[in-house]
Amino acid sequence: MIKYKKLGIFLSKPVAFLFVLVYLFQSAFIVYLVQDKFKLNKEIEFQQKRIMELEEKLKILQVIEDFQIGFNDKEKLELTEVISSECKKYDYDPLFLMSLIVTESSFRRYQVSPRGAMGLMQILPSTGQELADKIGIDWGGAQTLSQHRFNIQMGSRHLFELILKFKDVRKALVSYNLGETALRNKMRLNEPLPRAFLDKVMKNYEMLKEKYKS
């Protein structure tokens, strides 16, 4: 017999062994339930994240559908994916990036400015070649800027670099339009920040937020 003085009872070895087995089983079951609940919570979090991502992509696609000119359905989906990807990479609000695209090109596929800036984000070939080298895009001449996926990748990177350089989104946007050297010259001469392009981007941003608010 096994004596348990604190409990004031006597247990035979088989009974004591049975109690130990029950205790171990209960402990294992509790651990299983805790782990199962943890896995369930992680799965729920993952699914919620996926739902949010899909909702965001649907919003991006809706903006593209409403504003684009010259893209087929497959290209619209490709635009949605690249805009979503670049916004995650640089922590942009997709509506902010698309407000810049709307301002620069009105989402016209083959837009070219009088200065020779090309594509959705209106990038000069000289700037495009530098950006292509930085992000690993094979540069095939100015025609590379006509490929909307590359154009958005380069434009997103260019804006990000300008934000880091100027530590100010407003100055980065002005520099994106005016050119970095031209803006620095104005700053050196203490001239006021040009407002026309900046105001147009911000107006389009507010318009998109109001029209496509969640």
N, C-alpha and C. Protein backbone atom coordinates (compact mmCIF):
# COMPACT_ATOMS: atom_id res chain seq x y z
N MET A 1 0.84 -1.20 0.00
CA MET A 1 0.00 0.00 0.00
C MET A 1 0.87 1.24 0.00
N ILE A 2 0.38 2.31 -0.69
CA ILE A 2 1.08 3.60 -0.68
C ILE A 2 0.31 4.52 0.21
N LYS A 3 1.00 5.14 1.16
CA LYS A 3 0.33 6.01 2.12
C LYS A 3 0.55 7.46 1.76
N TYR A 4 -0.56 8.26 1.64
CA TYR A 4 -0.50 9.68 1.38
C TYR A 4 -1.00 10.38 2.63
N LYS A 5 -0.04 10.76 3.52
CA LYS A 5 -0.40 11.30 4.81
C LYS A 5 -1.19 12.59 4.72
N LYS A 6 -0.78 13.48 3.82
CA LYS A 6 -1.44 14.78 3.73
C LYS A 6 -2.90 14.63 3.34
N LEU A 7 -3.18 13.64 2.53
CA LEU A 7 -4.56 13.43 2.12
C LEU A 7 -5.33 12.57 3.10
N GLY A 8 -4.60 11.88 3.96
CA GLY A 8 -5.25 11.01 4.95
C GLY A 8 -5.88 9.80 4.32
N ILE A 9 -5.30 9.33 3.19
CA ILE A 9 -5.88 8.17 2.52
C ILE A 9 -4.78 7.18 2.15
N PHE A 10 -5.18 5.96 1.91
CA PHE A 10 -4.26 4.92 1.48
C PHE A 10 -4.67 4.46 0.09
N LEU A 11 -3.71 4.40 -0.83
CA LEU A 11 -4.00 3.98 -2.20
C LEU A 11 -3.12 2.80 -2.57
N SER A 12 -3.69 1.85 -3.27
CA SER A 12 -2.90 0.74 -3.78
C SER A 12 -2.08 1.24 -4.96
N LYS A 13 -1.05 0.53 -5.30
CA LYS A 13 -0.20 0.93 -6.43
C LYS A 13 -0.98 1.03 -7.75
N PRO A 14 -1.84 0.08 -8.07
CA PRO A 14 -2.60 0.19 -9.32
C PRO A 14 -3.50 1.41 -9.35
N VAL A 15 -4.15 1.70 -8.21
CA VAL A 15 -5.02 2.87 -8.16
C VAL A 15 -4.21 4.15 -8.30
N ALA A 16 -3.07 4.19 -7.59
CA ALA A 16 -2.20 5.37 -7.68
C ALA A 16 -1.72 5.57 -9.11
N PHE A 17 -1.36 4.47 -9.77
CA PHE A 17 -0.91 4.54 -11.15
C PHE A 17 -2.02 5.07 -12.06
N LEU A 18 -3.25 4.61 -11.77
CA LEU A 18 -4.39 5.06 -12.56
C LEU A 18 -4.61 6.56 -12.40
N PHE A 19 -4.47 7.05 -11.15
CA PHE A 19 -4.61 8.49 -10.91
C PHE A 19 -3.55 9.28 -11.68
N VAL A 20 -2.35 8.74 -11.70
CA VAL A 20 -1.27 9.42 -12.43
C VAL A 20 -1.59 9.47 -13.93
N LEU A 21 -2.10 8.36 -14.46
CA LEU A 21 -2.47 8.31 -15.87
C LEU A 21 -3.56 9.33 -16.20
N VAL A 22 -4.57 9.38 -15.33
CA VAL A 22 -5.65 10.34 -15.54
C VAL A 22 -5.13 11.76 -15.52
N TYR A 23 -4.24 12.01 -14.54
CA TYR A 23 -3.66 13.36 -14.43
C TYR A 23 -2.87 13.72 -15.68
N LEU A 24 -2.05 12.78 -16.18
CA LEU A 24 -1.24 13.03 -17.37
C LEU A 24 -2.14 13.24 -18.59
N PHE A 25 -3.20 12.42 -18.67
CA PHE A 25 -4.13 12.57 -19.80
C PHE A 25 -4.80 13.94 -19.78
N GLN A 26 -5.26 14.35 -18.59
CA GLN A 26 -5.91 15.65 -18.46
C GLN A 26 -4.95 16.78 -18.83
N SER A 27 -3.71 16.65 -18.36
CA SER A 27 -2.70 17.67 -18.66
C SER A 27 -2.43 17.75 -20.16
N ALA A 28 -2.30 16.58 -20.80
CA ALA A 28 -2.05 16.54 -22.23
C ALA A 28 -3.23 17.12 -23.00
N PHE A 29 -4.44 16.82 -22.53
CA PHE A 29 -5.64 17.32 -23.20
C PHE A 29 -5.73 18.84 -23.09
N ILE A 30 -5.38 19.36 -21.89
CA ILE A 30 -5.39 20.82 -21.69
C ILE A 30 -4.36 21.48 -22.61
N VAL A 31 -3.17 20.88 -22.71
CA VAL A 31 -2.13 21.41 -23.59
C VAL A 31 -2.62 21.39 -25.05
N TYR A 32 -3.28 20.30 -25.43
CA TYR A 32 -3.82 20.19 -26.79
C TYR A 32 -4.85 21.28 -27.06
N LEU A 33 -5.73 21.51 -26.09
CA LEU A 33 -6.76 22.53 -26.27
C LEU A 33 -6.14 23.92 -26.40
N VAL A 34 -5.12 24.18 -25.58
CA VAL A 34 -4.45 25.49 -25.64
C VAL A 34 -3.78 25.67 -26.99
N GLN A 35 -3.06 24.63 -27.43
CA GLN A 35 -2.39 24.70 -28.74
C GLN A 35 -3.40 24.83 -29.87
N ASP A 36 -4.49 24.09 -29.77
CA ASP A 36 -5.52 24.13 -30.79
C ASP A 36 -6.15 25.52 -30.87
N LYS A 37 -6.39 26.11 -29.70
CA LYS A 37 -6.95 27.46 -29.67
C LYS A 37 -5.98 28.46 -30.27
N PHE A 38 -4.68 28.29 -29.95
CA PHE A 38 -3.65 29.18 -30.50
C PHE A 38 -3.62 29.08 -32.02
N LYS A 39 -3.65 27.83 -32.53
CA LYS A 39 -3.64 27.63 -33.98
C LYS A 39 -4.89 28.23 -34.62
N LEU A 40 -6.02 28.06 -33.95
CA LEU A 40 -7.27 28.61 -34.47
C LEU A 40 -7.21 30.13 -34.53
N ASN A 41 -6.68 30.73 -33.46
CA ASN A 41 -6.55 32.20 -33.44
C ASN A 41 -5.62 32.69 -34.54
N LYS A 42 -4.51 31.96 -34.75
CA LYS A 42 -3.58 32.34 -35.81
C LYS A 42 -4.24 32.21 -37.19
N GLU A 43 -5.05 31.17 -37.37
CA GLU A 43 -5.74 30.97 -38.63
C GLU A 43 -6.77 32.08 -38.85
N ILE A 44 -7.48 32.45 -37.78
CA ILE A 44 -8.45 33.54 -37.88
C ILE A 44 -7.76 34.85 -38.24
N GLU A 45 -6.62 35.12 -37.59
CA GLU A 45 -5.85 36.34 -37.89
C GLU A 45 -5.39 36.34 -39.34
N PHE A 46 -4.92 35.17 -39.81
CA PHE A 46 -4.46 35.06 -41.19
C PHE A 46 -5.59 35.32 -42.17
N GLN A 47 -6.76 34.73 -41.91
CA GLN A 47 -7.90 34.91 -42.79
C GLN A 47 -8.39 36.36 -42.78
N GLN A 48 -8.38 36.99 -41.60
CA GLN A 48 -8.79 38.38 -41.51
C GLN A 48 -7.83 39.28 -42.30
N LYS A 49 -6.54 38.96 -42.22
CA LYS A 49 -5.55 39.71 -42.98
C LYS A 49 -5.78 39.54 -44.48
N ARG A 50 -6.08 38.31 -44.89
CA ARG A 50 -6.34 38.04 -46.31
C ARG A 50 -7.57 38.81 -46.78
N ILE A 51 -8.60 38.85 -45.95
CA ILE A 51 -9.82 39.57 -46.31
C ILE A 51 -9.53 41.06 -46.49
N MET A 52 -8.72 41.63 -45.57
CA MET A 52 -8.36 43.04 -45.68
C MET A 52 -7.56 43.31 -46.95
N GLU A 53 -6.65 42.39 -47.28
CA GLU A 53 -5.85 42.55 -48.49
C GLU A 53 -6.73 42.50 -49.74
N LEU A 54 -7.69 41.57 -49.75
CA LEU A 54 -8.58 41.46 -50.90
C LEU A 54 -9.48 42.69 -51.03
N GLU A 55 -9.94 43.21 -49.88
CA GLU A 55 -10.76 44.42 -49.92
C GLU A 55 -9.97 45.60 -50.47
N GLU A 56 -8.69 45.67 -50.07
CA GLU A 56 -7.84 46.76 -50.56
C GLU A 56 -7.61 46.63 -52.06
N LYS A 57 -7.37 45.40 -52.52
CA LYS A 57 -7.16 45.19 -53.96
C LYS A 57 -8.42 45.51 -54.75
N LEU A 58 -9.57 45.17 -54.20
CA LEU A 58 -10.82 45.51 -54.87
C LEU A 58 -10.99 47.02 -55.00
N LYS A 59 -10.56 47.75 -53.96
CA LYS A 59 -10.64 49.20 -54.01
C LYS A 59 -9.70 49.75 -55.09
N ILE A 60 -8.48 49.20 -55.13
CA ILE A 60 -7.52 49.63 -56.16
C ILE A 60 -8.08 49.36 -57.56
N LEU A 61 -8.63 48.16 -57.74
CA LEU A 61 -9.19 47.79 -59.04
C LEU A 61 -10.35 48.70 -59.42
N GLN A 62 -11.16 49.08 -58.44
CA GLN A 62 -12.28 49.97 -58.72
C GLN A 62 -11.81 51.33 -59.22
N VAL A 63 -10.77 51.86 -58.58
CA VAL A 63 -10.21 53.15 -59.02
C VAL A 63 -9.68 53.01 -60.45
N ILE A 64 -8.95 51.94 -60.71
CA ILE A 64 -8.41 51.72 -62.05
C ILE A 64 -9.54 51.63 -63.08
N GLU A 65 -10.57 50.85 -62.74
CA GLU A 65 -11.72 50.71 -63.64
C GLU A 65 -12.34 52.06 -63.97
N ASP A 66 -12.43 52.93 -62.99
CA ASP A 66 -13.11 54.21 -63.17
C ASP A 66 -12.27 55.24 -63.92
N PHE A 67 -10.94 55.14 -63.82
CA PHE A 67 -10.09 56.19 -64.39
C PHE A 67 -9.25 55.77 -65.59
N GLN A 68 -8.95 54.49 -65.73
CA GLN A 68 -8.02 54.04 -66.76
C GLN A 68 -8.51 54.33 -68.16
N ILE A 69 -7.55 54.51 -69.05
CA ILE A 69 -7.84 54.66 -70.48
C ILE A 69 -6.82 53.82 -71.26
N GLY A 70 -7.33 52.79 -71.96
CA GLY A 70 -6.46 52.02 -72.84
C GLY A 70 -5.99 50.69 -72.31
N PHE A 71 -6.49 50.22 -71.16
CA PHE A 71 -6.05 48.95 -70.60
C PHE A 71 -7.15 47.89 -70.73
N ASN A 72 -6.73 46.66 -71.04
CA ASN A 72 -7.71 45.57 -71.08
C ASN A 72 -7.87 44.97 -69.68
N ASP A 73 -8.77 44.01 -69.54
CA ASP A 73 -9.07 43.45 -68.21
C ASP A 73 -7.86 42.80 -67.56
N LYS A 74 -7.07 42.07 -68.34
CA LYS A 74 -5.88 41.42 -67.80
C LYS A 74 -4.89 42.46 -67.28
N GLU A 75 -4.71 43.53 -68.03
CA GLU A 75 -3.78 44.59 -67.62
C GLU A 75 -4.28 45.33 -66.39
N LYS A 76 -5.58 45.47 -66.25
CA LYS A 76 -6.14 46.11 -65.06
C LYS A 76 -5.80 45.30 -63.81
N LEU A 77 -5.90 43.98 -63.94
CA LEU A 77 -5.55 43.11 -62.81
C LEU A 77 -4.06 43.19 -62.50
N GLU A 78 -3.24 43.27 -63.54
CA GLU A 78 -1.79 43.40 -63.35
C GLU A 78 -1.47 44.73 -62.65
N LEU A 79 -2.15 45.79 -63.07
CA LEU A 79 -1.97 47.08 -62.42
C LEU A 79 -2.35 47.01 -60.94
N THR A 80 -3.45 46.33 -60.66
CA THR A 80 -3.89 46.17 -59.28
C THR A 80 -2.82 45.50 -58.44
N GLU A 81 -2.25 44.43 -58.96
CA GLU A 81 -1.23 43.67 -58.21
C GLU A 81 0.02 44.50 -57.98
N VAL A 82 0.50 45.20 -59.01
CA VAL A 82 1.75 45.94 -58.85
C VAL A 82 1.56 47.14 -57.93
N ILE A 83 0.42 47.82 -58.01
CA ILE A 83 0.16 48.95 -57.12
C ILE A 83 0.06 48.46 -55.67
N SER A 84 -0.64 47.35 -55.47
CA SER A 84 -0.74 46.77 -54.12
C SER A 84 0.63 46.40 -53.58
N SER A 85 1.43 45.76 -54.41
CA SER A 85 2.76 45.31 -53.99
C SER A 85 3.68 46.48 -53.65
N GLU A 86 3.69 47.51 -54.51
CA GLU A 86 4.57 48.66 -54.28
C GLU A 86 4.14 49.45 -53.04
N CYS A 87 2.85 49.53 -52.80
CA CYS A 87 2.36 50.26 -51.61
C CYS A 87 2.76 49.54 -50.33
N LYS A 88 2.74 48.22 -50.35
CA LYS A 88 3.20 47.45 -49.19
C LYS A 88 4.70 47.66 -48.98
N LYS A 89 5.43 47.66 -50.09
CA LYS A 89 6.89 47.78 -50.01
C LYS A 89 7.32 49.10 -49.40
N TYR A 90 6.65 50.19 -49.79
CA TYR A 90 7.06 51.52 -49.35
C TYR A 90 6.10 52.16 -48.35
N ASP A 91 5.12 51.38 -47.90
CA ASP A 91 4.16 51.84 -46.90
C ASP A 91 3.37 53.06 -47.38
N TYR A 92 2.91 53.00 -48.63
CA TYR A 92 2.04 54.04 -49.17
C TYR A 92 0.58 53.66 -48.96
N ASP A 93 -0.25 54.64 -48.78
CA ASP A 93 -1.69 54.44 -48.94
C ASP A 93 -1.92 54.29 -50.45
N PRO A 94 -2.54 53.19 -50.90
CA PRO A 94 -2.76 53.02 -52.34
C PRO A 94 -3.48 54.21 -52.99
N LEU A 95 -4.40 54.82 -52.27
CA LEU A 95 -5.11 55.97 -52.83
C LEU A 95 -4.17 57.16 -53.02
N PHE A 96 -3.16 57.26 -52.17
CA PHE A 96 -2.17 58.33 -52.33
C PHE A 96 -1.35 58.11 -53.59
N LEU A 97 -0.85 56.88 -53.77
CA LEU A 97 -0.06 56.59 -54.96
C LEU A 97 -0.89 56.77 -56.22
N MET A 98 -2.15 56.34 -56.17
CA MET A 98 -3.00 56.48 -57.34
C MET A 98 -3.40 57.93 -57.60
N SER A 99 -3.43 58.76 -56.56
CA SER A 99 -3.69 60.18 -56.78
C SER A 99 -2.54 60.81 -57.56
N LEU A 100 -1.32 60.32 -57.32
CA LEU A 100 -0.17 60.81 -58.09
C LEU A 100 -0.28 60.35 -59.54
N ILE A 101 -0.70 59.11 -59.74
CA ILE A 101 -0.87 58.59 -61.11
C ILE A 101 -1.96 59.36 -61.85
N VAL A 102 -3.08 59.60 -61.16
CA VAL A 102 -4.17 60.35 -61.78
C VAL A 102 -3.70 61.75 -62.18
N THR A 103 -2.91 62.38 -61.31
CA THR A 103 -2.40 63.73 -61.58
C THR A 103 -1.41 63.73 -62.75
N GLU A 104 -0.54 62.74 -62.76
CA GLU A 104 0.51 62.71 -63.77
C GLU A 104 0.01 62.30 -65.16
N SER A 105 -0.83 61.28 -65.21
CA SER A 105 -1.18 60.72 -66.52
C SER A 105 -2.66 60.48 -66.74
N SER A 106 -3.48 60.73 -65.72
CA SER A 106 -4.91 60.42 -65.79
C SER A 106 -5.16 58.95 -66.10
N PHE A 107 -4.19 58.09 -65.73
CA PHE A 107 -4.27 56.65 -65.98
C PHE A 107 -4.37 56.34 -67.48
N ARG A 108 -3.79 57.22 -68.32
CA ARG A 108 -3.71 56.94 -69.75
C ARG A 108 -2.48 56.08 -70.03
N ARG A 109 -2.66 55.04 -70.76
CA ARG A 109 -1.60 54.06 -70.95
C ARG A 109 -0.35 54.62 -71.62
N TYR A 110 -0.50 55.34 -72.69
CA TYR A 110 0.66 55.78 -73.48
C TYR A 110 0.93 57.28 -73.34
N GLN A 111 0.68 57.81 -72.19
CA GLN A 111 0.86 59.25 -71.97
C GLN A 111 2.34 59.65 -72.07
N VAL A 112 2.61 60.69 -72.84
CA VAL A 112 3.97 61.23 -72.95
C VAL A 112 3.86 62.75 -72.82
N SER A 113 4.69 63.33 -71.95
CA SER A 113 4.64 64.77 -71.70
C SER A 113 5.48 65.52 -72.74
N PRO A 114 5.29 66.84 -72.84
CA PRO A 114 6.12 67.64 -73.76
C PRO A 114 7.61 67.54 -73.44
N ARG A 115 7.94 67.25 -72.19
CA ARG A 115 9.35 67.11 -71.80
C ARG A 115 9.89 65.72 -72.06
N GLY A 116 9.01 64.80 -72.48
CA GLY A 116 9.45 63.44 -72.78
C GLY A 116 9.24 62.45 -71.66
N ALA A 117 8.59 62.87 -70.56
CA ALA A 117 8.28 61.93 -69.47
C ALA A 117 7.22 60.95 -69.97
N MET A 118 7.37 59.68 -69.58
CA MET A 118 6.55 58.63 -70.17
C MET A 118 5.81 57.79 -69.14
N GLY A 119 4.68 57.25 -69.59
CA GLY A 119 3.97 56.25 -68.82
C GLY A 119 3.08 56.80 -67.73
N LEU A 120 2.51 55.89 -66.95
CA LEU A 120 1.54 56.24 -65.93
C LEU A 120 2.09 57.21 -64.89
N MET A 121 3.38 57.04 -64.54
CA MET A 121 3.96 57.90 -63.51
C MET A 121 4.91 58.94 -64.10
N GLN A 122 4.85 59.08 -65.43
CA GLN A 122 5.56 60.16 -66.12
C GLN A 122 7.03 60.28 -65.69
N ILE A 123 7.81 59.33 -66.15
CA ILE A 123 9.22 59.26 -65.80
C ILE A 123 10.07 59.58 -67.02
N LEU A 124 11.06 60.44 -66.84
CA LEU A 124 11.98 60.75 -67.92
C LEU A 124 12.89 59.55 -68.17
N PRO A 125 13.25 59.27 -69.43
CA PRO A 125 14.12 58.13 -69.73
C PRO A 125 15.44 58.15 -68.94
N SER A 126 16.04 59.32 -68.77
CA SER A 126 17.31 59.39 -68.02
C SER A 126 17.10 58.95 -66.57
N THR A 127 16.00 59.39 -65.97
CA THR A 127 15.68 58.98 -64.60
C THR A 127 15.32 57.50 -64.56
N GLY A 128 14.59 57.05 -65.56
CA GLY A 128 14.17 55.66 -65.61
C GLY A 128 15.33 54.70 -65.68
N GLN A 129 16.36 55.04 -66.43
CA GLN A 129 17.52 54.16 -66.55
C GLN A 129 18.23 54.01 -65.21
N GLU A 130 18.37 55.12 -64.47
CA GLU A 130 18.99 55.05 -63.15
C GLU A 130 18.18 54.19 -62.19
N LEU A 131 16.86 54.38 -62.23
CA LEU A 131 15.98 53.62 -61.33
C LEU A 131 15.97 52.14 -61.70
N ALA A 132 15.99 51.84 -62.98
CA ALA A 132 15.98 50.44 -63.43
C ALA A 132 17.20 49.70 -62.90
N ASP A 133 18.34 50.35 -62.94
CA ASP A 133 19.57 49.74 -62.43
C ASP A 133 19.46 49.45 -60.93
N LYS A 134 18.83 50.35 -60.20
CA LYS A 134 18.72 50.21 -58.74
C LYS A 134 17.80 49.06 -58.33
N ILE A 135 16.73 48.86 -59.09
CA ILE A 135 15.76 47.85 -58.66
C ILE A 135 15.79 46.58 -59.51
N GLY A 136 16.81 46.47 -60.36
CA GLY A 136 17.02 45.22 -61.09
C GLY A 136 16.11 44.99 -62.28
N ILE A 137 15.69 46.08 -62.93
CA ILE A 137 14.88 45.96 -64.14
C ILE A 137 15.81 46.06 -65.36
N ASP A 138 15.66 45.14 -66.29
CA ASP A 138 16.47 45.19 -67.52
C ASP A 138 16.03 46.39 -68.35
N TRP A 139 16.96 47.32 -68.53
CA TRP A 139 16.65 48.54 -69.26
C TRP A 139 16.82 48.32 -70.75
N GLY A 140 15.72 48.45 -71.47
CA GLY A 140 15.77 48.26 -72.92
C GLY A 140 15.53 49.56 -73.66
N GLY A 141 15.95 50.67 -73.07
CA GLY A 141 15.71 51.97 -73.67
C GLY A 141 14.41 52.57 -73.16
N ALA A 142 14.07 53.73 -73.70
CA ALA A 142 12.89 54.47 -73.24
C ALA A 142 11.61 53.64 -73.32
N GLN A 143 11.59 52.67 -74.24
CA GLN A 143 10.40 51.84 -74.41
C GLN A 143 10.06 51.08 -73.13
N THR A 144 11.06 50.85 -72.27
CA THR A 144 10.82 50.15 -71.00
C THR A 144 9.78 50.88 -70.16
N LEU A 145 9.76 52.20 -70.27
CA LEU A 145 8.82 53.01 -69.49
C LEU A 145 7.38 52.83 -69.94
N SER A 146 7.18 52.24 -71.13
CA SER A 146 5.83 52.00 -71.62
C SER A 146 5.21 50.74 -71.00
N GLN A 147 6.05 49.95 -70.33
CA GLN A 147 5.55 48.76 -69.64
C GLN A 147 5.06 49.19 -68.26
N HIS A 148 3.74 49.16 -68.08
CA HIS A 148 3.14 49.78 -66.91
C HIS A 148 3.65 49.22 -65.59
N ARG A 149 3.96 47.92 -65.55
CA ARG A 149 4.47 47.33 -64.30
C ARG A 149 5.81 47.95 -63.93
N PHE A 150 6.72 48.05 -64.89
CA PHE A 150 8.02 48.66 -64.63
C PHE A 150 7.88 50.14 -64.31
N ASN A 151 6.98 50.81 -65.02
CA ASN A 151 6.78 52.25 -64.81
C ASN A 151 6.36 52.53 -63.37
N ILE A 152 5.43 51.75 -62.86
CA ILE A 152 4.96 51.96 -61.49
C ILE A 152 6.03 51.58 -60.48
N GLN A 153 6.77 50.52 -60.75
CA GLN A 153 7.86 50.14 -59.85
C GLN A 153 8.91 51.25 -59.76
N MET A 154 9.25 51.82 -60.90
CA MET A 154 10.25 52.89 -60.93
C MET A 154 9.72 54.17 -60.30
N GLY A 155 8.47 54.52 -60.61
CA GLY A 155 7.89 55.73 -60.04
C GLY A 155 7.73 55.65 -58.53
N SER A 156 7.34 54.48 -58.03
CA SER A 156 7.19 54.29 -56.59
C SER A 156 8.53 54.40 -55.87
N ARG A 157 9.56 53.82 -56.49
CA ARG A 157 10.90 53.90 -55.91
C ARG A 157 11.43 55.34 -55.94
N HIS A 158 11.18 56.03 -57.04
CA HIS A 158 11.65 57.41 -57.19
C HIS A 158 11.03 58.31 -56.12
N LEU A 159 9.74 58.18 -55.91
CA LEU A 159 9.07 58.99 -54.89
C LEU A 159 9.61 58.66 -53.50
N PHE A 160 9.83 57.38 -53.24
CA PHE A 160 10.36 56.96 -51.94
C PHE A 160 11.73 57.57 -51.68
N GLU A 161 12.59 57.55 -52.69
CA GLU A 161 13.92 58.14 -52.54
C GLU A 161 13.84 59.64 -52.27
N LEU A 162 12.92 60.31 -52.93
CA LEU A 162 12.76 61.75 -52.73
C LEU A 162 12.24 62.07 -51.32
N ILE A 163 11.35 61.23 -50.83
CA ILE A 163 10.85 61.41 -49.46
C ILE A 163 12.00 61.27 -48.46
N LEU A 164 12.87 60.29 -48.69
CA LEU A 164 14.02 60.09 -47.80
C LEU A 164 14.99 61.27 -47.89
N LYS A 165 15.17 61.79 -49.09
CA LYS A 165 16.12 62.90 -49.27
C LYS A 165 15.62 64.20 -48.63
N PHE A 166 14.36 64.50 -48.83
CA PHE A 166 13.83 65.79 -48.37
C PHE A 166 13.16 65.71 -46.99
N LYS A 167 12.93 64.47 -46.51
CA LYS A 167 12.27 64.28 -45.20
C LYS A 167 10.93 65.01 -45.14
N ASP A 168 10.26 65.13 -46.29
CA ASP A 168 9.02 65.89 -46.37
C ASP A 168 8.26 65.42 -47.62
N VAL A 169 7.05 64.90 -47.42
CA VAL A 169 6.28 64.37 -48.54
C VAL A 169 5.92 65.47 -49.54
N ARG A 170 5.62 66.67 -49.04
CA ARG A 170 5.25 67.76 -49.94
C ARG A 170 6.41 68.14 -50.86
N LYS A 171 7.60 68.28 -50.28
CA LYS A 171 8.76 68.61 -51.10
C LYS A 171 9.10 67.47 -52.06
N ALA A 172 8.89 66.24 -51.60
CA ALA A 172 9.14 65.08 -52.47
C ALA A 172 8.23 65.12 -53.69
N LEU A 173 6.96 65.46 -53.47
CA LEU A 173 6.02 65.54 -54.59
C LEU A 173 6.39 66.66 -55.55
N VAL A 174 6.78 67.80 -55.01
CA VAL A 174 7.20 68.92 -55.87
C VAL A 174 8.44 68.53 -56.66
N SER A 175 9.38 67.88 -55.98
CA SER A 175 10.60 67.44 -56.65
C SER A 175 10.30 66.40 -57.72
N TYR A 176 9.34 65.54 -57.46
CA TYR A 176 8.95 64.52 -58.44
C TYR A 176 8.51 65.19 -59.75
N ASN A 177 7.82 66.30 -59.63
CA ASN A 177 7.31 67.02 -60.79
C ASN A 177 8.33 67.99 -61.38
N LEU A 178 8.98 68.74 -60.51
CA LEU A 178 9.85 69.82 -60.95
C LEU A 178 11.27 69.35 -61.25
N GLY A 179 11.71 68.34 -60.54
CA GLY A 179 13.09 67.88 -60.62
C GLY A 179 13.84 68.24 -59.35
N GLU A 180 14.69 67.35 -58.91
CA GLU A 180 15.40 67.56 -57.64
C GLU A 180 16.30 68.78 -57.68
N THR A 181 17.06 68.94 -58.75
CA THR A 181 17.99 70.08 -58.84
C THR A 181 17.23 71.40 -58.84
N ALA A 182 16.16 71.48 -59.61
CA ALA A 182 15.37 72.72 -59.69
C ALA A 182 14.79 73.08 -58.32
N LEU A 183 14.30 72.09 -57.59
CA LEU A 183 13.74 72.37 -56.27
C LEU A 183 14.81 72.82 -55.30
N ARG A 184 15.97 72.18 -55.33
CA ARG A 184 17.06 72.57 -54.41
C ARG A 184 17.52 74.00 -54.71
N ASN A 185 17.53 74.38 -55.98
CA ASN A 185 17.90 75.75 -56.33
C ASN A 185 16.90 76.75 -55.75
N LYS A 186 15.62 76.42 -55.83
CA LYS A 186 14.60 77.29 -55.25
C LYS A 186 14.75 77.37 -53.74
N MET A 187 15.04 76.26 -53.11
CA MET A 187 15.22 76.24 -51.65
C MET A 187 16.45 77.06 -51.26
N ARG A 188 17.50 76.96 -52.05
CA ARG A 188 18.74 77.70 -51.76
C ARG A 188 18.50 79.20 -51.86
N LEU A 189 17.62 79.62 -52.78
CA LEU A 189 17.30 81.03 -52.96
C LEU A 189 16.14 81.49 -52.08
N ASN A 190 15.68 80.56 -51.20
CA ASN A 190 14.55 80.85 -50.30
C ASN A 190 13.28 81.25 -51.05
N GLU A 191 13.11 80.67 -52.23
CA GLU A 191 11.89 80.92 -52.99
C GLU A 191 10.77 80.03 -52.45
N PRO A 192 9.52 80.48 -52.56
CA PRO A 192 8.40 79.67 -52.04
C PRO A 192 8.25 78.36 -52.80
N LEU A 193 7.75 77.35 -52.11
CA LEU A 193 7.52 76.05 -52.70
C LEU A 193 6.41 76.15 -53.76
N PRO A 194 6.68 75.73 -55.01
CA PRO A 194 5.62 75.76 -56.02
C PRO A 194 4.42 74.93 -55.57
N ARG A 195 3.22 75.45 -55.74
CA ARG A 195 2.05 74.81 -55.16
C ARG A 195 1.15 74.11 -56.17
N ALA A 196 1.21 74.46 -57.45
CA ALA A 196 0.21 73.98 -58.41
C ALA A 196 0.13 72.46 -58.46
N PHE A 197 1.25 71.80 -58.69
CA PHE A 197 1.25 70.34 -58.81
C PHE A 197 0.91 69.69 -57.47
N LEU A 198 1.53 70.18 -56.41
CA LEU A 198 1.27 69.65 -55.07
C LEU A 198 -0.21 69.73 -54.73
N ASP A 199 -0.81 70.89 -54.96
CA ASP A 199 -2.22 71.08 -54.64
C ASP A 199 -3.11 70.14 -55.46
N LYS A 200 -2.72 69.90 -56.70
CA LYS A 200 -3.52 69.02 -57.56
C LYS A 200 -3.46 67.58 -57.06
N VAL A 201 -2.27 67.13 -56.67
CA VAL A 201 -2.14 65.78 -56.13
C VAL A 201 -2.98 65.62 -54.86
N MET A 202 -2.87 66.59 -53.96
CA MET A 202 -3.61 66.50 -52.70
C MET A 202 -5.12 66.59 -52.93
N LYS A 203 -5.53 67.39 -53.90
CA LYS A 203 -6.96 67.49 -54.23
C LYS A 203 -7.46 66.14 -54.77
N ASN A 204 -6.67 65.52 -55.62
CA ASN A 204 -7.06 64.21 -56.15
C ASN A 204 -7.06 63.15 -55.04
N TYR A 205 -6.14 63.27 -54.12
CA TYR A 205 -6.08 62.33 -52.99
C TYR A 205 -7.34 62.44 -52.14
N GLU A 206 -7.73 63.65 -51.83
CA GLU A 206 -8.95 63.86 -51.03
C GLU A 206 -10.18 63.37 -51.80
N MET A 207 -10.18 63.58 -53.11
CA MET A 207 -11.29 63.12 -53.94
C MET A 207 -11.41 61.60 -53.90
N LEU A 208 -10.27 60.90 -54.04
CA LEU A 208 -10.28 59.44 -54.01
C LEU A 208 -10.69 58.91 -52.64
N LYS A 209 -10.20 59.54 -51.59
CA LYS A 209 -10.57 59.10 -50.24
C LYS A 209 -12.07 59.26 -50.00
N GLU A 210 -12.63 60.34 -50.49
CA GLU A 210 -14.06 60.57 -50.30
C GLU A 210 -14.89 59.61 -51.15
N LYS A 211 -14.46 59.39 -52.38
CA LYS A 211 -15.23 58.55 -53.30
C LYS A 211 -15.14 57.07 -52.96
N TYR A 212 -13.96 56.64 -52.47
CA TYR A 212 -13.74 55.21 -52.22
C TYR A 212 -13.52 54.90 -50.75
N LYS A 213 -14.07 55.73 -49.87
CA LYS A 213 -13.89 55.49 -48.44
C LYS A 213 -14.56 54.18 -48.07
N SER A 214 -13.98 53.53 -47.05
CA SER A 214 -14.50 52.21 -46.62
C SER A 214 -15.83 52.39 -45.89
